[in-house]
Amino acid sequence: MHAYNPSMPKTLSVSIPHDLTEAEVKARLVKGLADARAQYPGYLKNATETWDGNSVSFKAAAMGQTVTGRVRIEAKVVNVEVDLPMLLGMLAGKIRPEIEARGRKLLA
């Protein structure tokens, strides 16, 4: 059994169902990321994303912490994984419902 290491990131996983084509999901995600960057320039001005087919890896800074993650588009679901550093990991319970709500709204 491994001892808890507070410096290890906490991975937050969210699955968001959808009834769209994978191309439409990708188009909405691209637009949603651009909108978020415009809405939160202080947090996301240095954010990066790298697309590989229907998957994207991203990196952003929030509250002085680096956040990384991945989004994978599948036929009926979008899987989101966000690696939260220790300080933000303590807020995972508040961050998860926000990701779910924004994801469902984006894919509705």
N, C-alpha and C. Protein backbone atom coordinates (compact mmCIF):
# COMPACT_ATOMS: atom_id res chain seq x y z
N MET A 1 0.84 -1.16 0.00
CA MET A 1 0.00 0.00 0.00
C MET A 1 0.89 1.24 0.00
N HIS A 2 0.53 2.24 -0.80
CA HIS A 2 1.32 3.46 -0.91
C HIS A 2 0.84 4.48 0.11
N ALA A 3 1.78 5.19 0.67
CA ALA A 3 1.44 6.27 1.60
C ALA A 3 0.93 7.46 0.80
N TYR A 4 0.05 8.22 1.39
CA TYR A 4 -0.48 9.42 0.74
C TYR A 4 0.64 10.43 0.57
N ASN A 5 0.79 10.96 -0.60
CA ASN A 5 1.79 11.97 -0.88
C ASN A 5 1.07 13.24 -1.30
N PRO A 6 1.03 14.27 -0.46
CA PRO A 6 0.27 15.47 -0.78
C PRO A 6 0.79 16.24 -1.97
N SER A 7 2.01 15.98 -2.41
CA SER A 7 2.53 16.70 -3.57
C SER A 7 2.12 16.03 -4.88
N MET A 8 1.55 14.85 -4.82
CA MET A 8 1.09 14.16 -6.01
C MET A 8 -0.19 14.79 -6.53
N PRO A 9 -0.32 14.92 -7.85
CA PRO A 9 -1.55 15.49 -8.38
C PRO A 9 -2.74 14.54 -8.18
N LYS A 10 -3.91 15.13 -8.13
CA LYS A 10 -5.15 14.36 -8.02
C LYS A 10 -5.79 14.39 -9.40
N THR A 11 -6.09 13.23 -9.96
CA THR A 11 -6.72 13.18 -11.27
C THR A 11 -8.23 13.13 -11.09
N LEU A 12 -8.88 14.11 -11.68
CA LEU A 12 -10.33 14.24 -11.64
C LEU A 12 -10.85 13.70 -12.97
N SER A 13 -11.73 12.71 -12.94
CA SER A 13 -12.28 12.11 -14.16
C SER A 13 -13.77 12.37 -14.24
N VAL A 14 -14.21 12.83 -15.42
CA VAL A 14 -15.62 13.13 -15.65
C VAL A 14 -15.99 12.57 -17.02
N SER A 15 -17.12 11.88 -17.11
CA SER A 15 -17.65 11.40 -18.39
C SER A 15 -18.95 12.13 -18.66
N ILE A 16 -19.03 12.72 -19.85
CA ILE A 16 -20.21 13.52 -20.22
C ILE A 16 -20.85 12.88 -21.45
N PRO A 17 -22.08 12.36 -21.30
CA PRO A 17 -22.74 11.73 -22.45
C PRO A 17 -23.19 12.78 -23.47
N HIS A 18 -23.32 12.36 -24.73
CA HIS A 18 -23.80 13.26 -25.78
C HIS A 18 -24.48 12.45 -26.87
N ASP A 19 -25.26 13.16 -27.70
CA ASP A 19 -25.93 12.53 -28.83
C ASP A 19 -25.51 13.20 -30.14
N LEU A 20 -24.30 13.73 -30.19
CA LEU A 20 -23.80 14.45 -31.35
C LEU A 20 -22.81 13.59 -32.13
N THR A 21 -22.48 14.03 -33.34
CA THR A 21 -21.40 13.37 -34.05
C THR A 21 -20.08 13.77 -33.39
N GLU A 22 -19.08 12.95 -33.56
CA GLU A 22 -17.78 13.27 -32.97
C GLU A 22 -17.23 14.58 -33.55
N ALA A 23 -17.49 14.83 -34.84
CA ALA A 23 -17.04 16.09 -35.46
C ALA A 23 -17.72 17.29 -34.82
N GLU A 24 -19.01 17.19 -34.53
CA GLU A 24 -19.73 18.29 -33.89
C GLU A 24 -19.23 18.51 -32.47
N VAL A 25 -18.97 17.43 -31.75
CA VAL A 25 -18.43 17.56 -30.40
C VAL A 25 -17.09 18.30 -30.45
N LYS A 26 -16.22 17.90 -31.37
CA LYS A 26 -14.92 18.54 -31.49
C LYS A 26 -15.07 20.02 -31.82
N ALA A 27 -15.95 20.35 -32.75
CA ALA A 27 -16.17 21.75 -33.11
C ALA A 27 -16.65 22.57 -31.90
N ARG A 28 -17.53 21.99 -31.11
CA ARG A 28 -18.03 22.69 -29.93
C ARG A 28 -16.94 22.85 -28.87
N LEU A 29 -16.10 21.82 -28.71
CA LEU A 29 -15.00 21.92 -27.76
C LEU A 29 -13.99 22.99 -28.18
N VAL A 30 -13.67 23.03 -29.47
CA VAL A 30 -12.73 24.04 -29.97
C VAL A 30 -13.28 25.43 -29.69
N LYS A 31 -14.56 25.64 -30.00
CA LYS A 31 -15.19 26.95 -29.75
C LYS A 31 -15.27 27.23 -28.26
N GLY A 32 -15.62 26.23 -27.45
CA GLY A 32 -15.72 26.40 -26.01
C GLY A 32 -14.39 26.79 -25.38
N LEU A 33 -13.30 26.17 -25.86
CA LEU A 33 -11.97 26.52 -25.35
C LEU A 33 -11.60 27.95 -25.73
N ALA A 34 -11.91 28.34 -26.97
CA ALA A 34 -11.63 29.72 -27.40
C ALA A 34 -12.45 30.72 -26.59
N ASP A 35 -13.72 30.40 -26.34
CA ASP A 35 -14.58 31.28 -25.53
C ASP A 35 -14.05 31.39 -24.10
N ALA A 36 -13.62 30.27 -23.53
CA ALA A 36 -13.10 30.28 -22.15
C ALA A 36 -11.83 31.12 -22.07
N ARG A 37 -10.99 31.02 -23.08
CA ARG A 37 -9.75 31.80 -23.10
C ARG A 37 -10.08 33.30 -23.15
N ALA A 38 -11.10 33.66 -23.91
CA ALA A 38 -11.51 35.08 -24.00
C ALA A 38 -12.18 35.54 -22.71
N GLN A 39 -12.95 34.67 -22.06
CA GLN A 39 -13.68 35.02 -20.85
C GLN A 39 -12.77 35.10 -19.62
N TYR A 40 -11.73 34.27 -19.58
CA TYR A 40 -10.83 34.21 -18.43
C TYR A 40 -9.38 34.42 -18.86
N PRO A 41 -9.07 35.57 -19.46
CA PRO A 41 -7.70 35.76 -19.99
C PRO A 41 -6.63 35.72 -18.91
N GLY A 42 -6.94 36.15 -17.71
CA GLY A 42 -5.95 36.13 -16.64
C GLY A 42 -5.52 34.72 -16.27
N TYR A 43 -6.45 33.78 -16.38
CA TYR A 43 -6.15 32.39 -16.03
C TYR A 43 -5.66 31.59 -17.23
N LEU A 44 -6.16 31.92 -18.41
CA LEU A 44 -5.93 31.05 -19.55
C LEU A 44 -5.08 31.66 -20.66
N LYS A 45 -4.48 32.83 -20.41
CA LYS A 45 -3.73 33.47 -21.49
C LYS A 45 -2.56 32.61 -21.97
N ASN A 46 -1.97 31.83 -21.10
CA ASN A 46 -0.85 30.96 -21.47
C ASN A 46 -1.27 29.51 -21.62
N ALA A 47 -2.56 29.26 -21.68
CA ALA A 47 -3.05 27.88 -21.83
C ALA A 47 -2.67 27.34 -23.20
N THR A 48 -2.37 26.06 -23.23
CA THR A 48 -2.06 25.41 -24.50
C THR A 48 -2.93 24.17 -24.66
N GLU A 49 -3.18 23.83 -25.90
CA GLU A 49 -3.90 22.59 -26.18
C GLU A 49 -3.30 21.97 -27.43
N THR A 50 -3.25 20.66 -27.44
CA THR A 50 -2.68 19.93 -28.57
C THR A 50 -3.67 18.84 -28.97
N TRP A 51 -4.20 18.99 -30.17
CA TRP A 51 -5.17 18.01 -30.67
C TRP A 51 -4.45 16.87 -31.38
N ASP A 52 -4.96 15.66 -31.21
CA ASP A 52 -4.49 14.48 -31.92
C ASP A 52 -5.75 13.69 -32.27
N GLY A 53 -6.29 13.95 -33.45
CA GLY A 53 -7.56 13.32 -33.83
C GLY A 53 -8.68 13.83 -32.95
N ASN A 54 -9.35 12.91 -32.24
CA ASN A 54 -10.46 13.28 -31.36
C ASN A 54 -10.05 13.37 -29.90
N SER A 55 -8.77 13.61 -29.67
CA SER A 55 -8.27 13.78 -28.31
C SER A 55 -7.50 15.09 -28.23
N VAL A 56 -7.56 15.71 -27.07
CA VAL A 56 -6.80 16.94 -26.86
C VAL A 56 -6.14 16.85 -25.49
N SER A 57 -4.88 17.28 -25.44
CA SER A 57 -4.16 17.44 -24.18
C SER A 57 -4.08 18.93 -23.93
N PHE A 58 -4.21 19.33 -22.67
CA PHE A 58 -4.15 20.76 -22.38
C PHE A 58 -3.33 21.03 -21.13
N LYS A 59 -2.90 22.28 -21.04
CA LYS A 59 -2.12 22.74 -19.89
C LYS A 59 -2.50 24.19 -19.64
N ALA A 60 -2.76 24.52 -18.38
CA ALA A 60 -3.13 25.88 -18.02
C ALA A 60 -2.65 26.18 -16.61
N ALA A 61 -2.56 27.45 -16.29
CA ALA A 61 -2.19 27.86 -14.94
C ALA A 61 -3.43 28.43 -14.26
N ALA A 62 -3.65 28.04 -13.02
CA ALA A 62 -4.77 28.56 -12.24
C ALA A 62 -4.30 28.73 -10.80
N MET A 63 -4.51 29.91 -10.26
CA MET A 63 -4.14 30.18 -8.87
C MET A 63 -2.68 29.85 -8.61
N GLY A 64 -1.80 30.14 -9.58
CA GLY A 64 -0.38 29.88 -9.42
C GLY A 64 -0.01 28.41 -9.54
N GLN A 65 -0.94 27.57 -9.93
CA GLN A 65 -0.72 26.14 -10.05
C GLN A 65 -0.87 25.73 -11.52
N THR A 66 -0.12 24.73 -11.94
CA THR A 66 -0.24 24.21 -13.29
C THR A 66 -1.23 23.05 -13.31
N VAL A 67 -2.18 23.15 -14.22
CA VAL A 67 -3.21 22.12 -14.40
C VAL A 67 -3.01 21.51 -15.78
N THR A 68 -2.97 20.20 -15.84
CA THR A 68 -2.89 19.51 -17.12
C THR A 68 -4.07 18.55 -17.23
N GLY A 69 -4.33 18.11 -18.45
CA GLY A 69 -5.43 17.16 -18.60
C GLY A 69 -5.59 16.69 -20.02
N ARG A 70 -6.58 15.85 -20.18
CA ARG A 70 -6.88 15.25 -21.46
C ARG A 70 -8.39 15.16 -21.65
N VAL A 71 -8.82 15.30 -22.90
CA VAL A 71 -10.22 15.11 -23.26
C VAL A 71 -10.24 14.14 -24.43
N ARG A 72 -11.05 13.10 -24.33
CA ARG A 72 -11.17 12.10 -25.39
C ARG A 72 -12.62 12.04 -25.83
N ILE A 73 -12.85 12.29 -27.11
CA ILE A 73 -14.20 12.26 -27.68
C ILE A 73 -14.48 10.85 -28.18
N GLU A 74 -15.57 10.28 -27.71
CA GLU A 74 -16.00 8.97 -28.20
C GLU A 74 -17.40 9.11 -28.78
N ALA A 75 -17.92 8.03 -29.35
CA ALA A 75 -19.19 8.07 -30.07
C ALA A 75 -20.35 8.61 -29.23
N LYS A 76 -20.43 8.27 -27.96
CA LYS A 76 -21.57 8.68 -27.13
C LYS A 76 -21.17 9.37 -25.83
N VAL A 77 -19.86 9.58 -25.64
CA VAL A 77 -19.41 10.16 -24.39
C VAL A 77 -18.11 10.94 -24.62
N VAL A 78 -17.92 11.97 -23.83
CA VAL A 78 -16.66 12.70 -23.78
C VAL A 78 -16.04 12.42 -22.41
N ASN A 79 -14.82 11.91 -22.42
CA ASN A 79 -14.11 11.62 -21.18
C ASN A 79 -13.10 12.73 -20.91
N VAL A 80 -13.20 13.31 -19.74
CA VAL A 80 -12.32 14.41 -19.33
C VAL A 80 -11.51 13.95 -18.13
N GLU A 81 -10.22 14.15 -18.19
CA GLU A 81 -9.33 13.88 -17.06
C GLU A 81 -8.52 15.14 -16.81
N VAL A 82 -8.56 15.62 -15.58
CA VAL A 82 -7.83 16.82 -15.20
C VAL A 82 -6.91 16.47 -14.05
N ASP A 83 -5.62 16.75 -14.22
CA ASP A 83 -4.63 16.51 -13.17
C ASP A 83 -4.50 17.78 -12.34
N LEU A 84 -5.01 17.73 -11.12
CA LEU A 84 -5.00 18.89 -10.24
C LEU A 84 -3.84 18.81 -9.26
N PRO A 85 -3.03 19.87 -9.16
CA PRO A 85 -1.98 19.87 -8.15
C PRO A 85 -2.60 19.90 -6.76
N MET A 86 -1.78 19.66 -5.76
CA MET A 86 -2.26 19.50 -4.39
C MET A 86 -3.27 20.56 -3.97
N LEU A 87 -2.93 21.84 -4.12
CA LEU A 87 -3.82 22.89 -3.64
C LEU A 87 -5.19 22.85 -4.32
N LEU A 88 -5.20 22.66 -5.63
CA LEU A 88 -6.47 22.59 -6.34
C LEU A 88 -7.15 21.24 -6.13
N GLY A 89 -6.37 20.19 -5.86
CA GLY A 89 -6.94 18.88 -5.60
C GLY A 89 -7.89 18.89 -4.42
N MET A 90 -7.61 19.77 -3.47
CA MET A 90 -8.50 19.89 -2.31
C MET A 90 -9.86 20.47 -2.70
N LEU A 91 -9.92 21.11 -3.88
CA LEU A 91 -11.18 21.69 -4.36
C LEU A 91 -11.88 20.80 -5.39
N ALA A 92 -11.40 19.58 -5.55
CA ALA A 92 -11.94 18.68 -6.58
C ALA A 92 -13.45 18.51 -6.46
N GLY A 93 -13.97 18.47 -5.24
CA GLY A 93 -15.41 18.31 -5.05
C GLY A 93 -16.22 19.47 -5.59
N LYS A 94 -15.61 20.64 -5.68
CA LYS A 94 -16.29 21.81 -6.25
C LYS A 94 -16.00 21.94 -7.75
N ILE A 95 -14.85 21.47 -8.18
CA ILE A 95 -14.47 21.58 -9.58
C ILE A 95 -15.22 20.58 -10.44
N ARG A 96 -15.40 19.35 -9.95
CA ARG A 96 -16.07 18.30 -10.74
C ARG A 96 -17.47 18.72 -11.21
N PRO A 97 -18.37 19.21 -10.32
CA PRO A 97 -19.70 19.58 -10.80
C PRO A 97 -19.67 20.74 -11.80
N GLU A 98 -18.68 21.61 -11.67
CA GLU A 98 -18.55 22.73 -12.61
C GLU A 98 -18.18 22.21 -14.00
N ILE A 99 -17.24 21.28 -14.06
CA ILE A 99 -16.86 20.67 -15.35
C ILE A 99 -18.05 19.94 -15.96
N GLU A 100 -18.77 19.17 -15.13
CA GLU A 100 -19.94 18.42 -15.62
C GLU A 100 -21.00 19.37 -16.17
N ALA A 101 -21.31 20.43 -15.42
CA ALA A 101 -22.36 21.37 -15.84
C ALA A 101 -21.98 22.09 -17.13
N ARG A 102 -20.75 22.57 -17.19
CA ARG A 102 -20.31 23.28 -18.40
C ARG A 102 -20.23 22.33 -19.59
N GLY A 103 -19.78 21.11 -19.36
CA GLY A 103 -19.71 20.12 -20.43
C GLY A 103 -21.08 19.76 -20.97
N ARG A 104 -22.03 19.53 -20.07
CA ARG A 104 -23.39 19.19 -20.51
C ARG A 104 -24.02 20.34 -21.29
N LYS A 105 -23.80 21.56 -20.82
CA LYS A 105 -24.35 22.73 -21.52
C LYS A 105 -23.73 22.86 -22.91
N LEU A 106 -22.43 22.66 -23.00
CA LEU A 106 -21.73 22.77 -24.28
C LEU A 106 -22.20 21.72 -25.28
N LEU A 107 -22.54 20.53 -24.78
CA LEU A 107 -22.91 19.42 -25.65
C LEU A 107 -24.42 19.22 -25.78
N ALA A 108 -25.20 20.11 -25.21
CA ALA A 108 -26.67 19.99 -25.27
C ALA A 108 -27.20 20.37 -26.64
